[in-house]
Protein backbone atom coordinates (compact mmCIF):
# COMPACT_ATOMS: atom_id res chain seq x y z
CA MET A 1 -30.61 -12.16 -28.10
CA GLN A 2 -34.04 -13.06 -27.91
CA LEU A 3 -34.01 -16.52 -26.70
CA PRO A 4 -36.67 -19.31 -27.37
CA ASP A 5 -39.78 -19.26 -24.67
CA ILE A 6 -38.19 -22.03 -21.77
CA GLU A 7 -41.42 -23.98 -21.67
CA ILE A 8 -41.29 -24.84 -25.39
CA VAL A 9 -37.76 -25.84 -25.63
CA SER A 10 -38.66 -28.20 -22.22
CA ALA A 11 -41.03 -30.08 -24.05
CA LYS A 12 -38.58 -30.51 -26.61
CA VAL A 13 -35.89 -31.38 -24.89
CA HIS A 14 -38.02 -33.64 -23.11
CA GLU A 15 -39.74 -35.84 -26.22
CA ALA A 16 -35.59 -35.80 -27.11
CA TRP A 17 -35.16 -37.42 -23.67
CA ILE A 18 -37.32 -40.26 -24.66
CA ALA A 19 -36.91 -40.91 -28.10
CA ALA A 20 -33.07 -41.36 -26.87
CA LYS A 21 -34.24 -43.62 -23.94
CA LEU A 22 -36.32 -45.85 -26.13
CA LYS A 23 -33.46 -46.09 -29.04
CA GLN A 24 -31.87 -47.31 -25.55
CA ASN A 25 -34.83 -49.94 -25.64
CA VAL A 26 -35.95 -48.50 -22.00
CA THR A 27 -39.49 -47.68 -21.98
CA SER A 28 -39.88 -46.69 -18.34
CA ARG A 29 -38.15 -44.25 -16.17
CA LYS A 30 -39.42 -43.14 -12.48
CA ALA A 31 -38.41 -40.57 -10.51
CA GLU A 32 -37.69 -40.42 -6.62
CA ASP A 33 -40.55 -40.21 -5.39
CA GLY A 34 -42.30 -42.68 -8.49
CA GLU A 35 -43.43 -40.85 -10.56
CA GLU A 36 -43.67 -42.34 -14.72
CA LEU A 37 -41.26 -39.36 -16.03
CA MET A 38 -41.38 -41.18 -19.79
CA VAL A 39 -44.76 -39.21 -20.85
CA PRO A 40 -45.42 -36.24 -22.82
CA TYR A 41 -44.64 -33.61 -21.26
CA GLU A 42 -47.73 -32.50 -20.40
CA GLN A 43 -48.28 -34.86 -18.65
CA LEU A 44 -45.25 -34.34 -15.52
CA SER A 45 -45.93 -32.70 -12.61
CA GLU A 46 -44.23 -29.53 -11.92
CA LYS A 47 -41.60 -31.03 -10.22
CA ALA A 48 -40.81 -33.45 -12.86
CA LYS A 49 -40.96 -30.29 -15.51
CA ASP A 50 -38.50 -28.27 -13.57
CA LEU A 51 -35.99 -31.23 -14.89
CA ASP A 52 -36.04 -30.27 -18.02
CA ARG A 53 -36.17 -25.89 -17.40
CA GLU A 54 -33.26 -26.60 -16.22
CA THR A 55 -31.38 -27.96 -18.25
CA VAL A 56 -32.75 -25.19 -21.08
CA LYS A 57 -31.88 -22.43 -18.17
CA ALA A 58 -28.58 -24.26 -18.13
CA VAL A 59 -27.90 -24.28 -21.65
CA TYR A 60 -28.67 -20.59 -22.25
CA ALA A 61 -26.98 -19.52 -20.11
CA ALA A 62 -23.85 -20.76 -21.24
CA ILE A 63 -25.10 -19.57 -25.39
CA SER A 64 -25.51 -15.77 -23.20
CA ALA A 65 -21.67 -16.07 -21.60
CA SER A 66 -20.82 -17.15 -24.96
CA VAL A 67 -21.87 -14.32 -27.15
């Protein structure tokens, strides 16, 4: 099964996370190192992007194990 590119899906996951936080009236969320995470995916550090990438990888692994 061919799954979409991890980077594209990671950016979408990040957008959805921001949208969910905004619905909760959260306008800022910082990482332990102080990096602001509620910015567009492209502006995140590689370390912060890895949070979204790991989420996508886990979902992809679950999909692969289910087929």
